[in-house]
Amino acid sequence: MDSGTVRGLAFNCHRLLSPAQECKDKMTAAITGLPGYWVDLGGEEFKNHCTDWIRKMETFKQAISSLETDMLRYADTLQAEEKAAADRAKAAATKMTGKIK
């Protein structure tokens, strides 16, 4: 796996953050100011389910952010290794070219 692939995967992780935040925001809006009338008709259970989803989305966002950060660090490590390998290959090629002359 190369650094570009890992960066692409990290980008895909990042793209999950916005929908997770939107879900969290919608759930928060759904339970904000829930009138007593709806609470008596099962709204309290709905509110509890929404609150549970809000917590789950926050946990999901934190996990994705951490994964994205770790992947970007790994991509940096791979990129440094790729550059070092390219430099070694270039030095070897230069050395071989010098011997042929």
C-alpha atoms as a PDB file:
ATOM      1  CA  MET A   1       0.000   0.000   0.000  1.00  0.00           C
ATOM      2  CA  ASP A   2       1.394   3.406  -0.898  1.00  0.00           C
ATOM      3  CA  SER A   3       1.024   6.775   0.785  1.00  0.00           C
ATOM      4  CA  GLY A   4      -1.441   8.044  -1.835  1.00  0.00           C
ATOM      5  CA  THR A   5      -3.796   5.136  -1.202  1.00  0.00           C
ATOM      6  CA  VAL A   6      -3.661   5.683   2.560  1.00  0.00           C
ATOM      7  CA  ARG A   7      -4.350   9.412   2.101  1.00  0.00           C
ATOM      8  CA  GLY A   8      -7.324   8.524  -0.104  1.00  0.00           C
ATOM      9  CA  LEU A   9      -8.703   6.235   2.583  1.00  0.00           C
ATOM     10  CA  ALA A  10      -8.229   8.967   5.190  1.00  0.00           C
ATOM     11  CA  PHE A  11     -10.139  11.360   2.921  1.00  0.00           C
ATOM     12  CA  ASN A  12     -12.975   8.837   2.692  1.00  0.00           C
ATOM     13  CA  CYS A  13     -13.067   8.709   6.489  1.00  0.00           C
ATOM     14  CA  HIS A  14     -13.220  12.499   6.618  1.00  0.00           C
ATOM     15  CA  ARG A  15     -16.222  12.478   4.289  1.00  0.00           C
ATOM     16  CA  LEU A  16     -18.178  10.505   6.929  1.00  0.00           C
ATOM     17  CA  LEU A  17     -17.912  13.305   9.486  1.00  0.00           C
ATOM     18  CA  SER A  18     -20.373  15.682   7.837  1.00  0.00           C
ATOM     19  CA  PRO A  19     -23.265  13.186   7.555  1.00  0.00           C
ATOM     20  CA  ALA A  20     -22.650  12.092  11.157  1.00  0.00           C
ATOM     21  CA  GLN A  21     -22.856  15.724  12.300  1.00  0.00           C
ATOM     22  CA  GLU A  22     -26.014  16.250  10.230  1.00  0.00           C
ATOM     23  CA  CYS A  23     -27.618  13.209  11.863  1.00  0.00           C
ATOM     24  CA  LYS A  24     -26.660  14.492  15.292  1.00  0.00           C
ATOM     25  CA  ASP A  25     -28.044  17.955  14.479  1.00  0.00           C
ATOM     26  CA  LYS A  26     -31.336  16.530  13.173  1.00  0.00           C
ATOM     27  CA  MET A  27     -31.794  14.378  16.251  1.00  0.00           C
ATOM     28  CA  THR A  28     -31.059  17.352  18.490  1.00  0.00           C
ATOM     29  CA  ALA A  29     -33.559  19.514  16.594  1.00  0.00           C
ATOM     30  CA  ALA A  30     -36.183  16.744  16.784  1.00  0.00           C
ATOM     31  CA  ILE A  31     -36.123  16.687  20.574  1.00  0.00           C
ATOM     32  CA  THR A  32     -35.565  20.379  21.251  1.00  0.00           C
ATOM     33  CA  GLY A  33     -38.625  21.842  22.909  1.00  0.00           C
ATOM     34  CA  LEU A  34     -40.627  18.609  22.703  1.00  0.00           C
ATOM     35  CA  PRO A  35     -44.020  19.691  24.041  1.00  0.00           C
ATOM     36  CA  GLY A  36     -45.528  17.896  27.026  1.00  0.00           C
ATOM     37  CA  TYR A  37     -48.386  16.744  24.809  1.00  0.00           C
ATOM     38  CA  TRP A  38     -46.002  14.636  22.718  1.00  0.00           C
ATOM     39  CA  VAL A  39     -44.152  13.417  25.784  1.00  0.00           C
ATOM     40  CA  ASP A  40     -47.417  11.890  27.029  1.00  0.00           C
ATOM     41  CA  LEU A  41     -47.957  10.193  23.635  1.00  0.00           C
ATOM     42  CA  GLY A  42     -44.653   8.332  23.604  1.00  0.00           C
ATOM     43  CA  GLY A  43     -42.464  11.326  22.929  1.00  0.00           C
ATOM     44  CA  GLU A  44     -40.326  10.583  25.956  1.00  0.00           C
ATOM     45  CA  GLU A  45     -39.321   7.250  24.440  1.00  0.00           C
ATOM     46  CA  PHE A  46     -38.612   9.023  21.140  1.00  0.00           C
ATOM     47  CA  LYS A  47     -36.529  11.590  22.983  1.00  0.00           C
ATOM     48  CA  ASN A  48     -34.549   8.830  24.697  1.00  0.00           C
ATOM     49  CA  HIS A  49     -33.879   7.113  21.348  1.00  0.00           C
ATOM     50  CA  CYS A  50     -32.739  10.414  19.836  1.00  0.00           C
ATOM     51  CA  THR A  51     -30.484  11.125  22.804  1.00  0.00           C
ATOM     52  CA  ASP A  52     -28.960   7.668  22.410  1.00  0.00           C
ATOM     53  CA  TRP A  53     -28.309   8.324  18.692  1.00  0.00           C
ATOM     54  CA  ILE A  54     -26.784  11.712  19.490  1.00  0.00           C
ATOM     55  CA  ARG A  55     -24.298  10.011  21.832  1.00  0.00           C
ATOM     56  CA  LYS A  56     -23.581   7.304  19.243  1.00  0.00           C
ATOM     57  CA  MET A  57     -22.950   9.873  16.499  1.00  0.00           C
ATOM     58  CA  GLU A  58     -20.557  11.774  18.744  1.00  0.00           C
ATOM     59  CA  THR A  59     -18.680   8.556  19.546  1.00  0.00           C
ATOM     60  CA  PHE A  60     -18.631   7.670  15.835  1.00  0.00           C
ATOM     61  CA  LYS A  61     -17.279  11.113  14.901  1.00  0.00           C
ATOM     62  CA  GLN A  62     -14.513  10.837  17.501  1.00  0.00           C
ATOM     63  CA  ALA A  63     -13.534   7.367  16.282  1.00  0.00           C
ATOM     64  CA  ILE A  64     -13.492   8.481  12.627  1.00  0.00           C
ATOM     65  CA  SER A  65     -11.441  11.591  13.451  1.00  0.00           C
ATOM     66  CA  SER A  66      -8.922   9.490  15.351  1.00  0.00           C
ATOM     67  CA  LEU A  67      -8.729   6.955  12.521  1.00  0.00           C
ATOM     68  CA  GLU A  68      -8.259   9.737   9.971  1.00  0.00           C
ATOM     69  CA  THR A  69      -5.431  11.267  12.010  1.00  0.00           C
ATOM     70  CA  ASP A  70      -3.702   7.902  12.423  1.00  0.00           C
ATOM     71  CA  MET A  71      -4.013   7.167   8.706  1.00  0.00           C
ATOM     72  CA  LEU A  72      -2.529  10.536   7.754  1.00  0.00           C
ATOM     73  CA  ARG A  73       0.413   9.913  10.100  1.00  0.00           C
ATOM     74  CA  TYR A  74       0.911   6.494   8.506  1.00  0.00           C
ATOM     75  CA  ALA A  75       0.735   8.085   5.040  1.00  0.00           C
ATOM     76  CA  ASP A  76       3.469  10.531   6.092  1.00  0.00           C
ATOM     77  CA  THR A  77       5.615   7.599   7.268  1.00  0.00           C
ATOM     78  CA  LEU A  78       5.033   5.726   4.003  1.00  0.00           C
ATOM     79  CA  GLN A  79       5.822   8.845   1.985  1.00  0.00           C
ATOM     80  CA  ALA A  80       9.153   9.240   3.781  1.00  0.00           C
ATOM     81  CA  GLU A  81       9.941   5.554   3.143  1.00  0.00           C
ATOM     82  CA  GLU A  82       8.959   5.911  -0.516  1.00  0.00           C
ATOM     83  CA  LYS A  83      11.230   8.934  -0.895  1.00  0.00           C
ATOM     84  CA  ALA A  84      14.112   7.129   0.781  1.00  0.00           C
ATOM     85  CA  ALA A  85      13.620   4.108  -1.508  1.00  0.00           C
ATOM     86  CA  ALA A  86      13.537   6.374  -4.567  1.00  0.00           C
ATOM     87  CA  ASP A  87      16.715   8.114  -3.415  1.00  0.00           C
ATOM     88  CA  ARG A  88      18.459   4.747  -2.897  1.00  0.00           C
ATOM     89  CA  ALA A  89      17.320   3.568  -6.332  1.00  0.00           C
ATOM     90  CA  LYS A  90      18.583   6.784  -7.918  1.00  0.00           C
ATOM     91  CA  ALA A  91      21.939   6.452  -6.134  1.00  0.00           C
ATOM     92  CA  ALA A  92      22.236   2.825  -7.231  1.00  0.00           C
ATOM     93  CA  ALA A  93      21.398   3.755 -10.820  1.00  0.00           C
ATOM     94  CA  THR A  94      23.966   6.557 -10.771  1.00  0.00           C
ATOM     95  CA  LYS A  95      26.582   4.178  -9.361  1.00  0.00           C
ATOM     96  CA  MET A  96      25.791   1.566 -12.026  1.00  0.00           C
ATOM     97  CA  THR A  97      25.935   4.182 -14.780  1.00  0.00           C
ATOM     98  CA  GLY A  98      29.348   5.303 -13.539  1.00  0.00           C
ATOM     99  CA  LYS A  99      30.705   1.738 -13.677  1.00  0.00           C
ATOM    100  CA  ILE A 100      29.495   1.136 -17.233  1.00  0.00           C
ATOM    101  CA  LYS A 101      31.429   4.081 -18.692  1.00  0.00           C
END
